[in-house]
Amino acid sequence: MNQLNKLYEAMCLSWGAEIKDEGRIVFVIDGQEFPIKIDGMTLHLPFSEVLDGQCVDKVFFHPACENITSKETEVFKVIRRMTCMKLLDMFRKIPVTLFTVAGHKPKSTWSQKTLDMLEPLKGAKRAQRDELNALFSRMHIEVEDNGLDNRFIHFKVTKGGGVSKVTGQKVYYKTRPEFPFYTEIVRRLARSEGQSDNQTIELNNHSISRGALKLAAHLFQSVIPAVNNPSDYEFESNTPIAARLISYLGCYAEIADQLNKIQNTFRADFDKAGIYTIDLNWQDQLEELPDIWRQVPVMDYNSHNTYDETSTGAINRSDMAGMLSITSNNSNQQQQPNNPYGQQPNSMQQANNMVGDFDTSPPPMQPGDHFVKTEIDYVNGRIIHHAQNRLNGNSVIYVCSKKGNFLMRQENQMMNPGNSMFPNNMMGGGQMLPDGSIMLPNGQRVIPANAGGYPTHQPTNFTSVYPDNGGYPSGGFNDNQSFG
């Protein structure tokens, strides 16, 4: 397993996921497993043995390859839900132990801050505790299907931010935590100022005494100090590679660390209750993403979005399976392209396309892509299918695994015709021939790849096979990097 997949695995496990056969990712809560699906396909870690096998009905987890110009992707939306659910699940477990600790004799080692935090919990009656349990059980991570916003936490990700006041570097993304449920608690307390503790307050269609609501606010402020000044916990990313991911997870780690600190203050009591800290050992490795993200090729549902990130879909609070099933709004952007020959090759055609252990059958291609030739990259065990987009003249490559499974499509923008050998921007006067060449008005036949109008790519190594675009840095895979 390469370094990138080790990082991905550690991240997923810390969020409450489990890794099954073929790297399949499932989310586990209260001992129950929930499959994670995107457009009906299961989510997998991009292990090399899985990429080289049967990839049908699989989506691969590779958020670090997100293009800097993209909005939130389907895979990133899964990350949002897993991380927020992990934080919510941990927060719900903490108050019970804190009430138990508050009932014990104070320890001489406790600071005044700790004593002040426990004091309001000492006199809490059983009825108020039950009210708190009912209130916190209503918290969720998405806006609900009835329009109520009971979200425990929301991470607001903003693209661009000028220059960092801390480092002086360019800011590509910044993430700030928001606490909609806590904000509503504070608002209701402010509106009921002066009323008695036994006065009933309505909060998002839920009735609770003002005394219990005051305890809820106190617990939020004690367990997650970030609710007092969320902007102080904003996290920036200063690299264009995996910018959204680094910014988001940096902010997530800030909140998770606060949940860990309250546990470590009373470590023995939480150990006795079987409650343990959130693993953040992988956090420092995020700095290595700009160097290791190419260990896995660019993947669909990771590099570009197919829905508007500003829209938040409503969801049923009890529908955990639905929460972990993502459907893209634009199926055309992520769908498998059309076959250049109009149909999938049958077993006889596939046998004829075998070159040693390599299946050179061309993959389905997008409309407008005209198949040109196939080459084998023996060094890295990949098959490169060259094509040309007849709609815009761009050169295209389709990268497949050794067994012929489609991995990625790369389209290279045509160079400025003013810099090519074509006189007077001749593309308007030339005729595209079936073999991809161009017949000029004067009768001369020109092959664009040799004319400087389109880049050519020889599959000698991954630097040439995976040309860069979309804001990624120069270079590519090298012979020392593996896929899984």
Protein backbone atom coordinates (compact mmCIF):
# COMPACT_ATOMS: atom_id res chain seq x y z
CA MET A 1 0.00 0.00 0.00
CA ASN A 2 1.45 3.34 -0.99
CA GLN A 3 1.74 6.37 1.28
CA LEU A 4 -1.37 8.08 -0.08
CA ASN A 5 -3.60 5.06 0.49
CA LYS A 6 -2.21 4.68 4.02
CA LEU A 7 -3.25 8.26 4.72
CA TYR A 8 -6.70 7.74 3.19
CA GLU A 9 -7.21 4.58 5.23
CA ALA A 10 -6.18 6.29 8.50
CA MET A 11 -8.52 9.20 7.79
CA CYS A 12 -11.53 6.99 7.06
CA LEU A 13 -10.95 4.76 10.09
CA SER A 14 -10.73 7.79 12.38
CA TRP A 15 -14.10 9.03 11.10
CA GLY A 16 -15.83 5.79 12.04
CA ALA A 17 -15.53 3.89 8.78
CA GLU A 18 -14.36 0.33 8.22
CA ILE A 19 -12.48 -0.99 5.20
CA LYS A 20 -13.91 -4.19 3.76
CA ASP A 21 -12.89 -6.46 0.87
CA GLU A 22 -11.51 -4.70 -2.22
CA GLY A 23 -11.09 -1.52 -0.16
CA ARG A 24 -14.85 -1.00 0.14
CA ILE A 25 -15.68 1.74 2.67
CA VAL A 26 -18.62 1.38 5.05
CA PHE A 27 -19.65 3.71 7.86
CA VAL A 28 -20.26 2.14 11.27
CA ILE A 29 -22.27 3.68 14.08
CA ASP A 30 -23.54 1.87 17.17
CA GLY A 31 -22.28 -1.38 15.65
CA GLN A 32 -24.40 -1.08 12.51
CA GLU A 33 -22.77 -0.87 9.08
CA PHE A 34 -24.02 1.52 6.40
CA PRO A 35 -22.68 1.24 2.83
CA ILE A 36 -21.49 4.46 1.18
CA LYS A 37 -22.75 4.87 -2.37
CA ILE A 38 -22.48 7.48 -5.11
CA ASP A 39 -24.90 7.20 -8.02
CA GLY A 40 -25.63 3.66 -6.82
CA MET A 41 -21.93 2.63 -6.89
CA THR A 42 -19.99 1.61 -3.78
CA LEU A 43 -17.06 3.72 -2.54
CA HIS A 44 -13.61 2.08 -2.42
CA LEU A 45 -10.05 3.01 -1.49
CA PRO A 46 -7.93 3.10 -4.69
CA PHE A 47 -5.71 0.10 -3.96
CA SER A 48 -3.66 -1.01 -6.97
CA GLU A 49 -5.12 -4.53 -6.97
CA VAL A 50 -8.63 -3.06 -7.09
CA LEU A 51 -7.80 -0.60 -9.88
CA ASP A 52 -6.34 -3.47 -11.91
CA GLY A 53 -9.40 -5.61 -11.36
CA GLN A 54 -13.11 -5.20 -12.07
CA CYS A 55 -13.95 -1.50 -11.64
CA VAL A 56 -17.58 -1.58 -12.75
CA ASP A 57 -20.00 -0.18 -10.14
CA LYS A 58 -17.12 1.26 -8.08
CA VAL A 59 -16.23 4.84 -7.18
CA PHE A 60 -12.75 5.44 -5.78
CA PHE A 61 -11.84 7.67 -2.84
CA HIS A 62 -9.23 10.18 -4.04
CA PRO A 63 -10.24 13.67 -2.79
CA ALA A 64 -6.67 15.02 -3.08
CA CYS A 65 -6.99 15.11 -6.89
CA GLU A 66 -9.77 17.74 -6.78
CA ASN A 67 -9.18 20.46 -9.36
CA ILE A 68 -8.71 23.89 -7.81
CA THR A 69 -11.42 25.26 -10.12
CA SER A 70 -14.04 22.70 -9.04
CA LYS A 71 -16.84 23.13 -6.57
CA GLU A 72 -17.45 20.44 -3.95
CA THR A 73 -17.44 16.94 -5.40
CA GLU A 74 -19.59 13.95 -4.52
CA VAL A 75 -16.71 12.31 -2.65
CA PHE A 76 -16.13 15.49 -0.67
CA LYS A 77 -19.80 15.53 0.26
CA VAL A 78 -19.31 12.04 1.73
CA ILE A 79 -16.33 13.35 3.72
CA ARG A 80 -18.50 16.15 5.09
CA ARG A 81 -21.11 13.72 6.33
CA MET A 82 -18.72 11.20 7.86
CA THR A 83 -16.67 13.83 9.71
CA CYS A 84 -19.67 15.75 11.01
CA MET A 85 -21.36 12.54 12.15
CA LYS A 86 -18.18 11.53 14.00
CA LEU A 87 -18.09 14.84 15.86
CA LEU A 88 -21.80 14.72 16.67
CA ASP A 89 -21.61 11.13 17.91
CA MET A 90 -18.70 12.01 20.20
CA PHE A 91 -20.36 15.16 21.55
CA ARG A 92 -23.52 13.26 22.49
CA LYS A 93 -21.51 10.80 24.63
CA ILE A 94 -19.65 13.40 26.69
CA PRO A 95 -22.40 15.00 28.91
CA VAL A 96 -23.31 11.74 30.68
CA THR A 97 -19.76 11.28 31.93
CA LEU A 98 -19.44 14.96 32.90
CA PHE A 99 -22.57 14.71 35.06
CA THR A 100 -21.05 11.67 36.75
CA VAL A 101 -17.75 13.49 37.38
CA ALA A 102 -19.60 16.53 38.77
CA GLY A 103 -21.18 14.31 41.42
CA HIS A 104 -17.77 13.18 42.71
CA LYS A 105 -15.61 14.89 45.30
CA PRO A 106 -13.41 17.55 43.64
CA LYS A 107 -9.77 16.65 43.16
CA SER A 108 -6.98 18.88 44.38
CA THR A 109 -5.39 18.75 40.93
CA TRP A 110 -8.39 20.34 39.23
CA SER A 111 -7.98 23.94 38.12
CA GLN A 112 -10.46 26.66 38.96
CA LYS A 113 -11.60 26.60 35.34
CA THR A 114 -12.47 22.91 35.71
CA LEU A 115 -14.34 23.53 38.97
CA ASP A 116 -16.32 26.37 37.36
CA MET A 117 -17.22 24.11 34.45
CA LEU A 118 -18.53 21.34 36.74
CA GLU A 119 -20.40 23.57 39.22
CA PRO A 120 -23.61 24.10 37.14
CA LEU A 121 -23.81 20.36 36.52
CA LYS A 122 -23.84 19.37 40.20
CA GLY A 123 -27.36 20.51 40.93
CA ALA A 124 -28.92 19.23 37.72
CA LYS A 125 -32.02 17.17 38.41
CA ARG A 126 -32.83 13.92 36.68
CA ALA A 127 -35.68 15.58 34.79
CA GLN A 128 -33.29 18.18 33.34
CA ARG A 129 -30.84 15.47 32.27
CA ASP A 130 -33.64 13.66 30.48
CA GLU A 131 -34.58 16.92 28.77
CA LEU A 132 -30.97 17.35 27.63
CA ASN A 133 -30.85 13.83 26.22
CA ALA A 134 -34.04 14.47 24.25
CA LEU A 135 -32.73 17.83 23.03
CA PHE A 136 -29.34 16.54 21.90
CA SER A 137 -30.95 13.57 20.17
CA ARG A 138 -32.60 16.06 17.80
CA MET A 139 -29.27 17.36 16.51
CA HIS A 140 -28.28 16.29 13.03
CA ILE A 141 -25.68 17.12 10.36
CA GLU A 142 -27.97 18.19 7.52
CA VAL A 143 -31.00 20.43 7.16
CA GLU A 144 -33.98 18.13 7.63
CA ASP A 145 -36.70 17.37 5.11
CA ASN A 146 -39.16 19.63 6.97
CA GLY A 147 -36.80 22.60 6.63
CA LEU A 148 -35.62 22.69 10.24
CA ASP A 149 -31.94 23.43 10.79
CA ASN A 150 -30.88 21.24 13.71
CA ARG A 151 -27.32 20.90 12.49
CA PHE A 152 -24.81 20.33 15.27
CA ILE A 153 -21.98 21.72 13.15
CA HIS A 154 -21.38 23.01 9.66
CA PHE A 155 -17.99 23.78 8.12
CA LYS A 156 -18.21 26.79 5.84
CA VAL A 157 -15.60 26.46 3.10
CA THR A 158 -14.72 29.63 1.20
CA LYS A 159 -12.63 29.73 -1.95
CA GLY A 160 -9.86 32.32 -2.03
CA GLY A 161 -9.02 34.74 0.69
CA GLY A 162 -6.24 37.00 -0.45
CA VAL A 163 -3.02 36.74 1.53
CA SER A 164 -2.73 35.05 4.91
CA LYS A 165 -2.24 37.42 7.86
CA VAL A 166 -0.24 34.69 9.58
CA THR A 167 2.07 33.33 6.88
CA GLY A 168 1.87 36.02 4.22
CA GLN A 169 1.16 33.32 1.63
CA LYS A 170 -1.71 33.17 -0.83
CA VAL A 171 -4.87 31.61 0.62
CA TYR A 172 -6.59 29.14 -1.73
CA TYR A 173 -9.32 27.99 0.67
CA LYS A 174 -10.36 28.73 4.22
CA THR A 175 -12.81 26.89 6.45
CA ARG A 176 -14.68 28.22 9.47
CA PRO A 177 -16.88 26.18 11.85
CA GLU A 178 -20.50 27.15 12.40
CA PHE A 179 -22.88 25.79 15.07
CA PRO A 180 -26.50 26.34 13.95
CA PHE A 181 -28.10 24.39 16.83
CA TYR A 182 -26.09 26.20 19.50
CA THR A 183 -26.83 29.53 17.84
CA GLU A 184 -30.55 28.80 18.09
CA ILE A 185 -30.16 27.86 21.77
CA VAL A 186 -28.49 31.18 22.52
CA ARG A 187 -31.15 33.05 20.56
CA ARG A 188 -33.99 31.39 22.50
CA LEU A 189 -32.31 32.10 25.83
CA ALA A 190 -31.86 35.75 24.92
CA ARG A 191 -35.52 36.09 23.96
CA SER A 192 -36.65 34.52 27.23
CA GLU A 193 -34.35 36.57 29.46
CA GLY A 194 -35.89 37.13 32.90
CA GLN A 195 -38.17 34.08 32.79
CA SER A 196 -37.93 31.32 35.41
CA ASP A 197 -35.99 28.10 34.83
CA ASN A 198 -39.18 26.03 34.74
CA GLN A 199 -40.62 28.14 31.93
CA THR A 200 -41.13 26.10 28.74
CA ILE A 201 -39.23 27.27 25.67
CA GLU A 202 -39.89 26.24 22.07
CA LEU A 203 -36.81 25.43 20.00
CA ASN A 204 -37.32 24.16 16.45
CA ASN A 205 -40.68 22.53 17.28
CA HIS A 206 -39.29 21.03 20.51
CA SER A 207 -40.36 22.00 24.02
CA ILE A 208 -37.78 22.26 26.80
CA SER A 209 -37.49 24.08 30.13
CA ARG A 210 -35.37 27.20 30.25
CA GLY A 211 -33.23 25.62 33.00
CA ALA A 212 -32.35 22.65 30.79
CA LEU A 213 -31.66 24.99 27.86
CA LYS A 214 -29.20 26.95 30.04
CA LEU A 215 -27.40 23.69 30.83
CA ALA A 216 -27.26 22.85 27.12
CA ALA A 217 -25.60 26.17 26.35
CA HIS A 218 -23.13 25.66 29.22
CA LEU A 219 -22.16 22.20 27.93
CA PHE A 220 -21.58 23.52 24.43
CA GLN A 221 -19.36 26.32 25.75
CA SER A 222 -17.41 23.98 28.03
CA VAL A 223 -16.88 21.10 25.62
CA ILE A 224 -16.37 23.14 22.42
CA PRO A 225 -14.95 26.59 23.22
CA ALA A 226 -15.03 27.34 19.48
CA VAL A 227 -18.76 28.12 19.75
CA ASN A 228 -17.82 31.38 21.51
CA ASN A 229 -15.55 32.68 18.71
CA PRO A 230 -15.81 30.46 15.60
CA SER A 231 -13.72 32.82 13.47
CA ASP A 232 -10.71 32.17 15.74
CA TYR A 233 -10.69 28.58 14.50
CA GLU A 234 -10.68 29.32 10.80
CA PHE A 235 -8.15 27.19 8.94
CA GLU A 236 -6.41 28.20 5.70
CA SER A 237 -4.74 26.21 2.93
CA ASN A 238 -1.80 27.78 1.13
CA THR A 239 -1.31 25.24 -1.64
CA PRO A 240 -3.42 24.70 -4.79
CA ILE A 241 -3.12 20.92 -4.41
CA ALA A 242 -5.94 19.42 -2.32
CA ALA A 243 -6.66 22.96 -1.13
CA ARG A 244 -10.27 22.36 -0.09
CA LEU A 245 -9.44 19.06 1.61
CA ILE A 246 -6.51 20.48 3.60
CA SER A 247 -8.48 23.52 4.72
CA TYR A 248 -11.56 21.50 5.68
CA LEU A 249 -9.73 18.76 7.57
CA GLY A 250 -7.54 21.30 9.34
CA CYS A 251 -10.66 22.97 10.73
CA TYR A 252 -12.24 19.59 11.51
CA ALA A 253 -9.13 18.63 13.49
CA GLU A 254 -9.41 21.82 15.57
CA ILE A 255 -12.92 20.84 16.72
CA ALA A 256 -12.03 17.17 17.23
CA ASP A 257 -9.07 18.25 19.36
CA GLN A 258 -11.39 20.20 21.66
CA LEU A 259 -13.56 17.11 22.14
CA ASN A 260 -10.40 15.16 22.94
CA LYS A 261 -9.18 17.72 25.48
CA ILE A 262 -12.31 17.54 27.61
CA GLN A 263 -11.91 13.76 27.72
CA ASN A 264 -8.24 13.92 28.65
CA THR A 265 -9.10 16.23 31.56
CA PHE A 266 -11.06 13.32 33.05
CA ARG A 267 -9.27 10.46 31.31
CA ALA A 268 -9.95 7.77 33.91
CA ASP A 269 -13.69 8.48 33.98
CA PHE A 270 -14.03 8.39 30.19
CA ASP A 271 -11.96 5.19 30.00
CA LYS A 272 -14.30 3.61 32.51
CA ALA A 273 -17.23 4.63 30.29
CA GLY A 274 -15.53 3.17 27.21
CA ILE A 275 -15.24 6.54 25.48
CA TYR A 276 -11.97 7.32 23.72
CA THR A 277 -10.50 10.22 21.81
CA ILE A 278 -10.79 10.81 18.07
CA ASP A 279 -7.65 9.70 16.24
CA LEU A 280 -5.85 12.68 14.68
CA ASN A 281 -2.43 11.08 14.11
CA TRP A 282 -2.89 11.44 10.34
CA GLN A 283 -3.27 15.25 10.52
CA ASP A 284 0.44 16.09 10.06
CA GLN A 285 0.57 13.96 6.91
CA LEU A 286 -1.78 16.38 5.13
CA GLU A 287 1.28 18.56 4.50
CA GLU A 288 2.64 15.79 2.29
CA LEU A 289 -0.39 15.68 -0.04
CA PRO A 290 1.17 18.03 -2.65
CA ASP A 291 4.00 15.49 -2.99
CA ILE A 292 2.08 12.20 -2.85
CA TRP A 293 -1.33 12.87 -4.46
CA ARG A 294 -0.11 11.56 -7.83
CA GLN A 295 0.41 8.06 -6.43
CA VAL A 296 -3.17 7.43 -7.59
CA PRO A 297 -4.51 8.65 -10.96
CA VAL A 298 -7.21 11.32 -11.17
CA MET A 299 -10.63 9.80 -10.45
CA ASP A 300 -14.22 10.61 -11.38
CA TYR A 301 -16.41 12.07 -8.63
CA ASN A 302 -13.20 13.42 -7.05
CA SER A 303 -11.66 15.85 -9.54
CA HIS A 304 -14.77 17.86 -10.48
CA ASN A 305 -18.22 18.41 -9.02
CA THR A 306 -21.56 17.70 -10.66
CA TYR A 307 -23.79 19.74 -8.34
CA ASP A 308 -23.96 23.21 -6.79
CA GLU A 309 -22.02 23.30 -3.53
CA THR A 310 -24.14 26.16 -2.18
CA SER A 311 -27.27 24.03 -2.12
CA THR A 312 -27.84 21.82 0.90
CA GLY A 313 -30.23 18.97 0.29
CA ALA A 314 -32.81 18.27 2.95
CA ILE A 315 -32.65 14.87 4.56
CA ASN A 316 -34.67 12.73 6.92
CA ARG A 317 -33.00 12.73 10.33
CA SER A 318 -33.48 8.97 10.79
CA ASP A 319 -32.38 7.97 7.29
CA MET A 320 -28.71 7.08 7.85
CA ALA A 321 -28.54 4.96 4.70
CA GLY A 322 -29.94 7.83 2.64
CA MET A 323 -27.45 10.24 4.18
CA LEU A 324 -24.56 8.09 2.95
CA SER A 325 -25.96 7.67 -0.56
CA ILE A 326 -24.99 10.53 -2.87
CA THR A 327 -26.61 11.18 -6.25
CA SER A 328 -25.02 13.62 -8.67
CA ASN A 329 -27.22 16.19 -10.41
CA ASN A 330 -25.48 15.84 -13.76
CA SER A 331 -25.03 12.21 -14.70
CA ASN A 332 -23.53 13.14 -18.06
CA GLN A 333 -20.40 14.61 -16.53
CA GLN A 334 -19.38 11.47 -14.67
CA GLN A 335 -20.88 8.76 -16.83
CA GLN A 336 -18.82 6.24 -18.75
CA PRO A 337 -18.18 7.53 -22.28
CA ASN A 338 -19.64 5.97 -25.39
CA ASN A 339 -17.90 3.12 -27.15
CA PRO A 340 -16.02 4.24 -30.29
CA TYR A 341 -17.41 1.24 -32.14
CA GLY A 342 -20.96 1.62 -30.89
CA GLN A 343 -20.93 -1.34 -28.51
CA GLN A 344 -18.83 -3.09 -25.91
CA PRO A 345 -16.43 -5.69 -27.35
CA ASN A 346 -17.63 -9.26 -27.03
CA SER A 347 -15.42 -12.07 -25.72
CA MET A 348 -14.06 -12.89 -29.20
CA GLN A 349 -13.15 -9.27 -29.90
CA GLN A 350 -11.57 -9.00 -26.48
CA ALA A 351 -9.46 -12.09 -27.09
CA ASN A 352 -8.24 -10.61 -30.38
CA ASN A 353 -7.25 -7.44 -28.55
CA MET A 354 -5.00 -9.21 -26.05
CA VAL A 355 -1.29 -8.36 -26.32
CA GLY A 356 0.38 -10.66 -23.86
CA ASP A 357 -1.28 -9.91 -20.52
CA PHE A 358 -2.59 -6.54 -21.74
CA ASP A 359 -6.19 -6.07 -22.87
CA THR A 360 -5.94 -3.32 -25.50
CA SER A 361 -9.69 -3.09 -26.17
CA PRO A 362 -10.52 0.63 -26.49
CA PRO A 363 -12.78 1.85 -23.68
CA PRO A 364 -16.11 3.61 -24.27
CA MET A 365 -15.41 7.15 -25.48
CA GLN A 366 -17.28 10.39 -25.09
CA PRO A 367 -19.32 11.74 -28.01
CA GLY A 368 -17.06 13.57 -30.44
CA ASP A 369 -13.91 11.62 -29.51
CA HIS A 370 -12.44 9.80 -32.51
CA PHE A 371 -10.19 6.83 -31.71
CA VAL A 372 -6.70 7.10 -33.25
CA LYS A 373 -4.38 4.45 -31.82
CA THR A 374 -3.43 2.40 -28.76
CA GLU A 375 -0.05 2.18 -27.06
CA ILE A 376 1.14 0.15 -24.07
CA ASP A 377 3.13 1.62 -21.20
CA TYR A 378 4.99 -1.52 -20.14
CA VAL A 379 6.95 0.29 -17.43
CA ASN A 380 3.90 1.30 -15.42
CA GLY A 381 1.47 -1.37 -16.60
CA ARG A 382 -1.02 0.97 -18.24
CA ILE A 383 -2.70 1.11 -21.66
CA ILE A 384 -2.91 4.48 -23.40
CA HIS A 385 -5.63 4.99 -26.02
CA HIS A 386 -5.13 8.12 -28.14
CA ALA A 387 -8.11 9.95 -29.62
CA GLN A 388 -9.05 13.33 -31.00
CA ASN A 389 -12.06 15.41 -30.11
CA ARG A 390 -13.67 16.34 -33.45
CA LEU A 391 -15.72 19.07 -31.81
CA ASN A 392 -12.76 21.23 -30.79
CA GLY A 393 -9.69 19.54 -32.28
CA ASN A 394 -8.13 18.74 -28.89
CA SER A 395 -6.04 15.61 -28.44
CA VAL A 396 -7.38 13.13 -25.90
CA ILE A 397 -5.95 10.13 -24.07
CA TYR A 398 -7.84 7.39 -22.27
CA VAL A 399 -5.80 5.59 -19.60
CA CYS A 400 -6.77 2.02 -18.74
CA SER A 401 -5.44 -0.63 -16.41
CA LYS A 402 -3.60 -3.71 -17.58
CA LYS A 403 -6.90 -5.58 -17.72
CA GLY A 404 -8.55 -2.85 -19.77
CA ASN A 405 -10.51 -1.11 -17.00
CA PHE A 406 -11.02 2.59 -17.71
CA LEU A 407 -9.19 4.83 -15.22
CA MET A 408 -9.25 8.37 -16.59
CA ARG A 409 -9.74 10.61 -19.60
CA GLN A 410 -7.34 13.51 -20.26
CA GLU A 411 -8.12 16.18 -22.83
CA ASN A 412 -5.39 18.62 -23.82
CA GLN A 413 -6.36 22.10 -24.85
CA MET A 414 -5.41 23.09 -28.37
CA MET A 415 -2.58 25.61 -28.45
CA ASN A 416 -3.30 29.13 -29.63
CA PRO A 417 -3.64 28.85 -33.41
CA GLY A 418 -1.76 32.14 -33.68
CA ASN A 419 1.32 30.31 -32.40
CA SER A 420 0.98 27.37 -34.78
CA MET A 421 2.03 26.91 -38.36
CA PHE A 422 -1.53 27.33 -39.65
CA PRO A 423 -1.76 30.62 -41.59
CA ASN A 424 -4.53 33.11 -40.74
CA ASN A 425 -5.90 30.83 -38.00
CA MET A 426 -6.71 28.33 -40.73
CA MET A 427 -8.83 26.00 -38.60
CA GLY A 428 -11.90 27.66 -40.05
CA GLY A 429 -10.73 26.89 -43.57
CA GLY A 430 -9.43 23.34 -43.11
CA GLN A 431 -11.35 20.07 -43.36
CA MET A 432 -10.97 17.38 -40.66
CA LEU A 433 -10.35 13.97 -42.25
CA PRO A 434 -11.42 10.63 -40.66
CA ASP A 435 -7.82 9.83 -39.66
CA GLY A 436 -7.58 13.04 -37.60
CA SER A 437 -5.50 14.97 -40.13
CA ILE A 438 -6.56 18.30 -41.70
CA MET A 439 -6.87 19.06 -45.41
CA LEU A 440 -5.93 22.70 -46.00
CA PRO A 441 -7.72 24.81 -48.66
CA ASN A 442 -4.57 24.62 -50.82
CA GLY A 443 -4.75 20.81 -50.85
CA GLN A 444 -1.95 20.26 -48.36
CA ARG A 445 -2.59 17.53 -45.78
CA VAL A 446 -1.45 18.36 -42.26
CA ILE A 447 -1.31 16.12 -39.19
CA PRO A 448 -2.09 18.40 -36.22
CA ALA A 449 0.16 16.49 -33.83
CA ASN A 450 3.12 17.29 -36.05
CA ALA A 451 2.10 20.86 -36.74
CA GLY A 452 2.43 22.20 -33.23
CA GLY A 453 -1.28 22.79 -32.91
CA TYR A 454 -1.82 19.87 -30.52
CA PRO A 455 0.52 18.25 -28.00
CA THR A 456 1.57 14.66 -28.54
CA HIS A 457 2.21 12.19 -25.74
CA GLN A 458 4.44 9.17 -25.85
CA PRO A 459 3.72 6.70 -23.01
CA THR A 460 7.33 6.28 -21.93
CA ASN A 461 6.60 7.40 -18.37
CA PHE A 462 3.78 9.00 -16.43
CA THR A 463 5.12 12.50 -16.88
CA SER A 464 4.25 12.31 -20.57
CA VAL A 465 1.21 10.08 -20.21
CA TYR A 466 -0.55 12.36 -17.71
CA PRO A 467 -0.09 15.90 -19.04
CA ASP A 468 -1.08 18.59 -16.58
CA ASN A 469 -4.04 20.94 -16.73
CA GLY A 470 -6.62 22.52 -14.51
CA GLY A 471 -4.25 24.21 -12.09
CA TYR A 472 -2.09 21.22 -11.18
CA PRO A 473 1.68 21.71 -11.01
CA SER A 474 4.01 20.54 -13.72
CA GLY A 475 5.31 17.00 -13.78
CA GLY A 476 3.51 13.75 -13.20
CA PHE A 477 4.02 10.21 -12.02
CA ASN A 478 7.54 8.91 -12.04
CA ASP A 479 8.88 5.42 -12.20
CA ASN A 480 9.29 5.27 -8.42
CA GLN A 481 5.61 5.88 -7.67
CA SER A 482 2.98 3.18 -7.52
CA PHE A 483 -0.78 3.16 -7.78
CA GLY A 484 -1.72 1.43 -4.56
